[in-house]
Amino acid sequence: MIHSRIAGTGSYLPERVMTNQELEKLVDTSDEWIVERTGIAQRHIAADDQTCSDLAQRAAEQAMARAGIAATDIDLVIVATSTPDHVFPSTACRLVERLGIPGGAVAFDVAAACSGFIYALDVANRFIQTGGAGRALVIGSELFSRILDWSDRGTCVLFGDGAGAVVLEAAESPGILSTHLHADGRQTDLLNVPWGVSQGYEQLPGERGKVRMKGNEVFRVAVRTLGGLVDETLAANGLKRGDVDWLIPHQANIRIMTATAKKLGLPAERMVSTVADHGNTSAASIPLALNEAVSDGRIKRGDLLLLEAFGAGFTWGSALIRY
């Protein structure tokens, strides 16, 4: 049986850093309130001339370099994003050209909001397992600053921009042990961008293209749902609480993340947290956190990792990985 393993990780964060003190000048909020409620102290904001593919390219190049491979070795590119360069072509398709990947490669985007990277990882893993690809680039890249209402203190304090990437390659022993994906569209009103191409340009004047969220309701659903996801993942692999070496959660809110770690029986130091410095970078948050912990030596080969995310849709998913 063919398996897949993570051969390399990479990330990119825009140079500009926006602190909570800067946000205090834009909306009625405070650094103390933001940190207490979310754990976020700052976030990175893309330059005006940067695009989703710009960020994704930088993260992908680092991941390929660390995997020791060339662009010509890649035959599958999947980009998870809610903020693509264009309606079409896909951001992944643009990266094929920009990175110098052979033109016969498979390339497409995945839209699952904050769960997008887990969804993309699952799809790439299945491609490799079935022989449809030998090496894959899986990227989460977001410019959420472009879809924020900077007068809405409930959302503008939460999000940031960035990109993270991994190279998956075929292996004899399993790296990705299991993945678990779910979706439920019955509560879309709790978290959405209330505009789309097929709805027309006259829908919701003044609001189109901006994130809308009912934060308290989303928090409650996320905590409950992720708790069940942890149980599902452990049961599927015959594991007990505490067997996992590292939790790498979607970096949305420190309180949600801490609740998931507690469910796993993990101490805080075994949870990779970048939310204070990055904010919520949606589909980019998990690969950004993974790359940071690999780069600084916390995560080592052979460690057992649990990646989990919850996002608009609602979508949610997990991946259990032997790194």
Protein backbone atom coordinates (compact mmCIF):
# COMPACT_ATOMS: atom_id res chain seq x y z
CA MET A 1 0.00 0.00 0.00
CA ILE A 2 1.22 3.49 -0.85
CA HIS A 3 1.33 6.00 1.98
CA SER A 4 2.22 9.69 2.16
CA ARG A 5 4.53 11.61 4.46
CA ILE A 6 5.41 15.26 5.03
CA ALA A 7 8.77 15.85 3.38
CA GLY A 8 9.07 19.58 4.02
CA THR A 9 7.28 22.58 5.48
CA GLY A 10 7.34 26.29 4.70
CA SER A 11 5.62 29.56 5.49
CA TYR A 12 5.49 33.24 4.69
CA LEU A 13 4.17 36.22 6.65
CA PRO A 14 3.88 39.73 5.19
CA GLU A 15 6.32 42.28 6.57
CA ARG A 16 3.75 44.69 7.98
CA VAL A 17 2.70 43.98 11.57
CA MET A 18 -0.51 45.48 12.95
CA THR A 19 -0.67 45.59 16.75
CA ASN A 20 -3.72 45.80 18.97
CA GLN A 21 -2.68 49.35 19.84
CA GLU A 22 -3.09 50.30 16.19
CA LEU A 23 -6.58 48.81 16.17
CA GLU A 24 -7.48 50.90 19.22
CA LYS A 25 -7.26 53.92 16.91
CA LEU A 26 -9.67 52.38 14.37
CA VAL A 27 -12.47 50.90 16.50
CA ASP A 28 -13.77 50.99 20.07
CA THR A 29 -11.58 48.24 21.52
CA SER A 30 -8.49 47.75 23.68
CA ASP A 31 -5.41 45.60 23.73
CA GLU A 32 -6.51 44.17 27.08
CA TRP A 33 -9.94 43.15 25.72
CA ILE A 34 -8.54 41.54 22.55
CA VAL A 35 -5.86 39.56 24.41
CA GLU A 36 -8.27 38.41 27.11
CA ARG A 37 -10.97 37.27 24.67
CA THR A 38 -8.81 35.87 21.85
CA GLY A 39 -5.15 35.68 22.84
CA ILE A 40 -4.19 37.83 19.85
CA ALA A 41 -1.59 40.58 20.29
CA GLN A 42 -0.75 41.32 16.66
CA ARG A 43 -1.28 40.13 13.09
CA HIS A 44 0.47 40.49 9.73
CA ILE A 45 -1.14 42.49 6.91
CA ALA A 46 -0.23 42.07 3.25
CA ALA A 47 1.05 45.01 1.21
CA ASP A 48 -1.36 46.58 -1.25
CA ASP A 49 0.37 44.96 -4.21
CA GLN A 50 0.57 41.45 -2.71
CA THR A 51 -1.83 38.70 -3.77
CA CYS A 52 -2.78 35.25 -2.49
CA SER A 53 -0.45 33.63 -5.01
CA ASP A 54 2.45 35.89 -3.91
CA LEU A 55 2.19 34.63 -0.34
CA ALA A 56 1.60 31.05 -1.43
CA GLN A 57 4.63 31.09 -3.72
CA ARG A 58 6.99 32.16 -0.93
CA ALA A 59 5.68 29.44 1.43
CA ALA A 60 5.83 26.79 -1.31
CA GLU A 61 9.40 27.65 -2.26
CA GLN A 62 10.53 27.24 1.34
CA ALA A 63 8.71 23.91 1.69
CA MET A 64 10.28 22.56 -1.51
CA ALA A 65 13.74 23.71 -0.45
CA ARG A 66 13.41 21.98 2.91
CA ALA A 67 12.13 18.83 1.21
CA GLY A 68 15.16 18.93 -1.08
CA ILE A 69 13.14 18.79 -4.28
CA ALA A 70 12.73 20.90 -7.40
CA ALA A 71 9.52 22.27 -8.88
CA THR A 72 9.79 19.67 -11.64
CA ASP A 73 9.28 16.96 -9.00
CA ILE A 74 5.77 18.21 -8.14
CA ASP A 75 2.76 16.75 -9.94
CA LEU A 76 -0.09 18.02 -7.75
CA VAL A 77 -0.80 21.50 -6.33
CA ILE A 78 -3.74 22.22 -4.04
CA VAL A 79 -4.30 25.67 -2.56
CA ALA A 80 -6.77 26.11 0.29
CA THR A 81 -8.05 29.69 0.31
CA SER A 82 -11.11 31.89 0.70
CA THR A 83 -9.28 34.85 -0.84
CA PRO A 84 -8.00 33.69 -4.26
CA ASP A 85 -6.38 35.93 -6.85
CA HIS A 86 -9.26 35.49 -9.32
CA VAL A 87 -12.61 33.78 -9.70
CA PHE A 88 -10.69 31.76 -12.27
CA PRO A 89 -8.11 30.53 -13.03
CA SER A 90 -7.42 28.97 -9.64
CA THR A 91 -4.58 30.26 -7.52
CA ALA A 92 -3.08 26.75 -7.69
CA CYS A 93 -3.06 26.95 -11.47
CA ARG A 94 -1.24 30.29 -11.32
CA LEU A 95 1.37 28.73 -9.02
CA VAL A 96 2.10 25.99 -11.56
CA GLU A 97 3.38 28.69 -13.91
CA ARG A 98 5.03 30.85 -11.26
CA LEU A 99 6.93 28.00 -9.62
CA GLY A 100 7.96 26.31 -12.87
CA ILE A 101 6.00 23.12 -12.20
CA PRO A 102 5.49 20.99 -15.34
CA GLY A 103 2.37 21.89 -17.28
CA GLY A 104 0.86 18.44 -16.96
CA ALA A 105 0.47 18.70 -13.20
CA VAL A 106 -2.93 18.66 -11.51
CA ALA A 107 -3.81 21.99 -9.84
CA PHE A 108 -6.94 23.29 -8.14
CA ASP A 109 -8.17 25.32 -5.16
CA VAL A 110 -10.19 24.10 -2.18
CA ALA A 111 -12.74 26.35 -0.45
CA ALA A 112 -13.52 25.16 3.08
CA ALA A 113 -12.72 28.37 4.98
CA CYS A 114 -10.62 27.79 8.10
CA SER A 115 -10.76 24.01 7.59
CA GLY A 116 -9.39 24.35 4.08
CA PHE A 117 -5.87 23.10 4.76
CA ILE A 118 -7.14 19.91 6.42
CA TYR A 119 -9.48 19.32 3.47
CA ALA A 120 -6.64 19.90 1.00
CA LEU A 121 -4.31 17.60 2.95
CA ASP A 122 -6.92 14.84 2.87
CA VAL A 123 -7.38 15.17 -0.91
CA ALA A 124 -3.62 15.19 -1.60
CA ASN A 125 -3.14 12.14 0.61
CA ARG A 126 -5.79 10.25 -1.38
CA PHE A 127 -4.14 11.22 -4.67
CA ILE A 128 -0.85 9.79 -3.46
CA GLN A 129 -2.42 6.65 -1.97
CA THR A 130 -4.11 5.82 -5.28
CA GLY A 131 -1.04 6.55 -7.38
CA GLY A 132 -2.48 9.72 -8.89
CA ALA A 133 0.47 11.78 -7.67
CA GLY A 134 3.95 11.17 -6.36
CA ARG A 135 4.63 14.53 -4.74
CA ALA A 136 2.13 17.23 -3.83
CA LEU A 137 2.28 20.83 -2.71
CA VAL A 138 -0.48 21.58 -0.21
CA ILE A 139 -0.78 25.26 0.63
CA GLY A 140 -3.02 27.40 2.80
CA SER A 141 -2.85 31.06 1.76
CA GLU A 142 -5.07 33.93 2.86
CA LEU A 143 -5.40 37.69 2.64
CA PHE A 144 -8.31 38.12 5.04
CA SER A 145 -7.46 41.80 5.42
CA ARG A 146 -9.11 42.28 2.01
CA ILE A 147 -12.50 41.01 3.19
CA LEU A 148 -12.65 42.70 6.60
CA ASP A 149 -14.91 45.56 7.59
CA TRP A 150 -12.39 47.70 9.46
CA SER A 151 -15.21 49.43 11.33
CA ASP A 152 -16.53 46.14 12.76
CA ARG A 153 -14.67 45.55 16.03
CA GLY A 154 -16.08 42.03 16.30
CA THR A 155 -14.17 40.79 13.24
CA CYS A 156 -11.36 43.18 12.30
CA VAL A 157 -9.40 42.37 15.47
CA LEU A 158 -9.34 38.65 14.72
CA PHE A 159 -7.82 38.05 11.33
CA GLY A 160 -4.46 38.37 9.60
CA ASP A 161 -2.68 37.40 6.38
CA GLY A 162 -0.15 34.66 5.68
CA ALA A 163 0.62 31.39 3.93
CA GLY A 164 1.88 27.96 4.96
CA ALA A 165 2.80 24.94 2.86
CA VAL A 166 3.83 21.31 3.05
CA VAL A 167 5.30 18.91 0.52
CA LEU A 168 3.69 15.47 0.66
CA GLU A 169 5.45 12.54 -0.97
CA ALA A 170 4.83 8.84 -1.40
CA ALA A 171 6.31 6.65 1.33
CA GLU A 172 6.45 3.00 2.37
CA SER A 173 5.27 3.67 5.92
CA PRO A 174 2.33 5.92 6.80
CA GLY A 175 2.88 9.56 7.69
CA ILE A 176 -0.75 10.61 7.49
CA LEU A 177 -2.47 8.00 9.66
CA SER A 178 -6.05 9.20 9.27
CA THR A 179 -8.13 12.19 8.25
CA HIS A 180 -11.67 13.07 9.30
CA LEU A 181 -13.75 15.65 7.42
CA HIS A 182 -17.25 16.99 8.07
CA ALA A 183 -19.59 19.78 7.03
CA ASP A 184 -23.00 21.15 7.99
CA GLY A 185 -24.48 24.08 6.10
CA ARG A 186 -27.46 24.70 8.34
CA GLN A 187 -25.88 27.55 10.30
CA THR A 188 -24.27 29.59 7.55
CA ASP A 189 -25.73 32.79 9.00
CA LEU A 190 -23.35 32.56 11.97
CA LEU A 191 -20.20 33.09 9.89
CA ASN A 192 -20.09 34.12 6.25
CA VAL A 193 -19.24 36.66 3.60
CA PRO A 194 -22.76 37.60 2.41
CA TRP A 195 -22.03 38.09 -1.27
CA GLY A 196 -21.20 35.94 -4.25
CA VAL A 197 -20.83 36.26 -8.01
CA SER A 198 -24.05 34.38 -8.84
CA GLN A 199 -26.10 36.56 -6.45
CA GLY A 200 -25.34 39.68 -8.47
CA TYR A 201 -23.60 42.92 -7.65
CA GLU A 202 -26.68 44.63 -6.20
CA GLN A 203 -27.12 42.25 -3.29
CA LEU A 204 -26.50 43.70 0.18
CA PRO A 205 -25.12 47.08 -0.92
CA GLY A 206 -22.39 48.31 1.40
CA GLU A 207 -21.85 44.87 2.92
CA ARG A 208 -20.78 42.71 0.01
CA GLY A 209 -17.42 41.06 0.27
CA LYS A 210 -17.00 41.55 4.04
CA VAL A 211 -16.83 38.95 6.82
CA ARG A 212 -19.87 38.77 9.07
CA MET A 213 -19.75 36.70 12.27
CA LYS A 214 -21.85 36.07 15.36
CA GLY A 215 -18.87 35.40 17.58
CA ASN A 216 -20.47 33.99 20.73
CA GLU A 217 -22.56 31.48 18.80
CA VAL A 218 -19.60 30.38 16.68
CA PHE A 219 -17.50 29.91 19.82
CA ARG A 220 -20.06 27.60 21.41
CA VAL A 221 -20.50 25.45 18.29
CA ALA A 222 -16.73 25.24 17.71
CA VAL A 223 -15.89 24.05 21.23
CA ARG A 224 -18.61 21.40 21.17
CA THR A 225 -17.79 20.21 17.66
CA LEU A 226 -14.04 20.01 18.13
CA GLY A 227 -14.49 18.01 21.32
CA GLY A 228 -16.38 15.37 19.35
CA LEU A 229 -13.76 15.48 16.61
CA VAL A 230 -11.00 14.68 19.09
CA ASP A 231 -12.94 11.65 20.33
CA GLU A 232 -13.54 10.48 16.76
CA THR A 233 -9.87 10.76 15.80
CA LEU A 234 -8.59 8.97 18.90
CA ALA A 235 -11.13 6.15 18.57
CA ALA A 236 -10.34 5.62 14.87
CA ASN A 237 -6.69 5.05 15.74
CA GLY A 238 -7.08 3.11 18.98
CA LEU A 239 -5.47 5.89 21.00
CA LYS A 240 -6.01 7.21 24.49
CA ARG A 241 -5.98 10.78 25.75
CA GLY A 242 -2.38 11.82 26.17
CA ASP A 243 -1.00 9.56 23.41
CA VAL A 244 -0.65 12.51 21.03
CA ASP A 245 2.67 14.36 21.23
CA TRP A 246 1.55 17.67 19.72
CA LEU A 247 -1.76 19.40 19.08
CA ILE A 248 -1.65 21.84 16.16
CA PRO A 249 -5.06 23.51 16.13
CA HIS A 250 -6.51 26.13 13.86
CA GLN A 251 -5.37 29.40 15.41
CA ALA A 252 -8.72 31.14 15.87
CA ASN A 253 -9.07 31.79 19.58
CA ILE A 254 -6.84 30.76 22.48
CA ARG A 255 -9.84 29.70 24.56
CA ILE A 256 -11.07 27.26 21.88
CA MET A 257 -7.54 25.93 21.43
CA THR A 258 -7.02 25.43 25.16
CA ALA A 259 -10.34 23.60 25.50
CA THR A 260 -9.27 21.15 22.76
CA ALA A 261 -5.89 20.55 24.42
CA LYS A 262 -7.67 19.83 27.70
CA LYS A 263 -9.90 17.33 25.92
CA LEU A 264 -6.74 15.57 24.70
CA GLY A 265 -5.18 15.61 28.15
CA LEU A 266 -2.24 17.64 26.84
CA PRO A 267 -0.42 20.32 28.83
CA ALA A 268 -0.32 23.80 27.29
CA GLU A 269 3.33 23.41 26.28
CA ARG A 270 2.33 20.52 23.97
CA MET A 271 -0.03 22.73 21.98
CA VAL A 272 1.53 24.76 19.17
CA SER A 273 0.15 28.28 19.49
CA THR A 274 0.92 31.14 17.10
CA VAL A 275 -2.35 33.00 17.53
CA ALA A 276 -0.74 35.77 19.60
CA ASP A 277 1.55 36.80 16.75
CA HIS A 278 -0.43 35.78 13.66
CA GLY A 279 -4.08 36.17 14.59
CA ASN A 280 -6.53 33.99 12.67
CA THR A 281 -5.09 33.37 9.19
CA SER A 282 -7.90 30.97 8.25
CA ALA A 283 -6.66 28.15 5.96
CA ALA A 284 -3.05 29.27 6.47
CA SER A 285 -3.02 29.01 10.26
CA ILE A 286 -2.29 25.29 10.70
CA PRO A 287 0.59 25.05 8.19
CA LEU A 288 2.03 28.30 9.59
CA ALA A 289 1.98 26.83 13.10
CA LEU A 290 3.34 23.49 11.91
CA ASN A 291 6.26 25.13 10.12
CA GLU A 292 7.12 27.27 13.14
CA ALA A 293 7.27 24.28 15.48
CA VAL A 294 9.28 22.21 12.98
CA SER A 295 11.67 25.12 12.33
CA ASP A 296 12.41 25.79 15.99
CA GLY A 297 12.96 22.11 16.75
CA ARG A 298 9.96 21.45 18.96
CA ILE A 299 8.48 18.92 16.55
CA LYS A 300 10.85 16.09 15.64
CA ARG A 301 10.66 13.16 13.27
CA GLY A 302 8.54 10.39 14.75
CA ASP A 303 6.32 12.70 16.80
CA LEU A 304 2.57 12.09 16.66
CA LEU A 305 0.67 15.22 15.61
CA LEU A 306 -3.03 16.03 15.72
CA LEU A 307 -4.12 18.82 13.39
CA GLU A 308 -7.70 20.06 13.74
CA ALA A 309 -9.79 22.95 12.44
CA PHE A 310 -13.28 24.43 12.44
CA GLY A 311 -14.48 26.97 9.90
CA ALA A 312 -17.36 28.67 8.15
CA GLY A 313 -19.78 26.38 6.44
CA PHE A 314 -19.67 24.99 9.00
CA THR A 315 -16.75 22.72 8.09
CA TRP A 316 -14.45 20.86 10.43
CA GLY A 317 -11.74 18.25 10.16
CA SER A 318 -8.66 16.61 11.65
CA ALA A 319 -5.53 14.82 10.52
CA LEU A 320 -3.45 12.47 12.65
CA ILE A 321 0.14 12.48 11.41
CA ARG A 322 3.34 10.66 12.26
CA TYR A 323 5.85 13.34 11.35
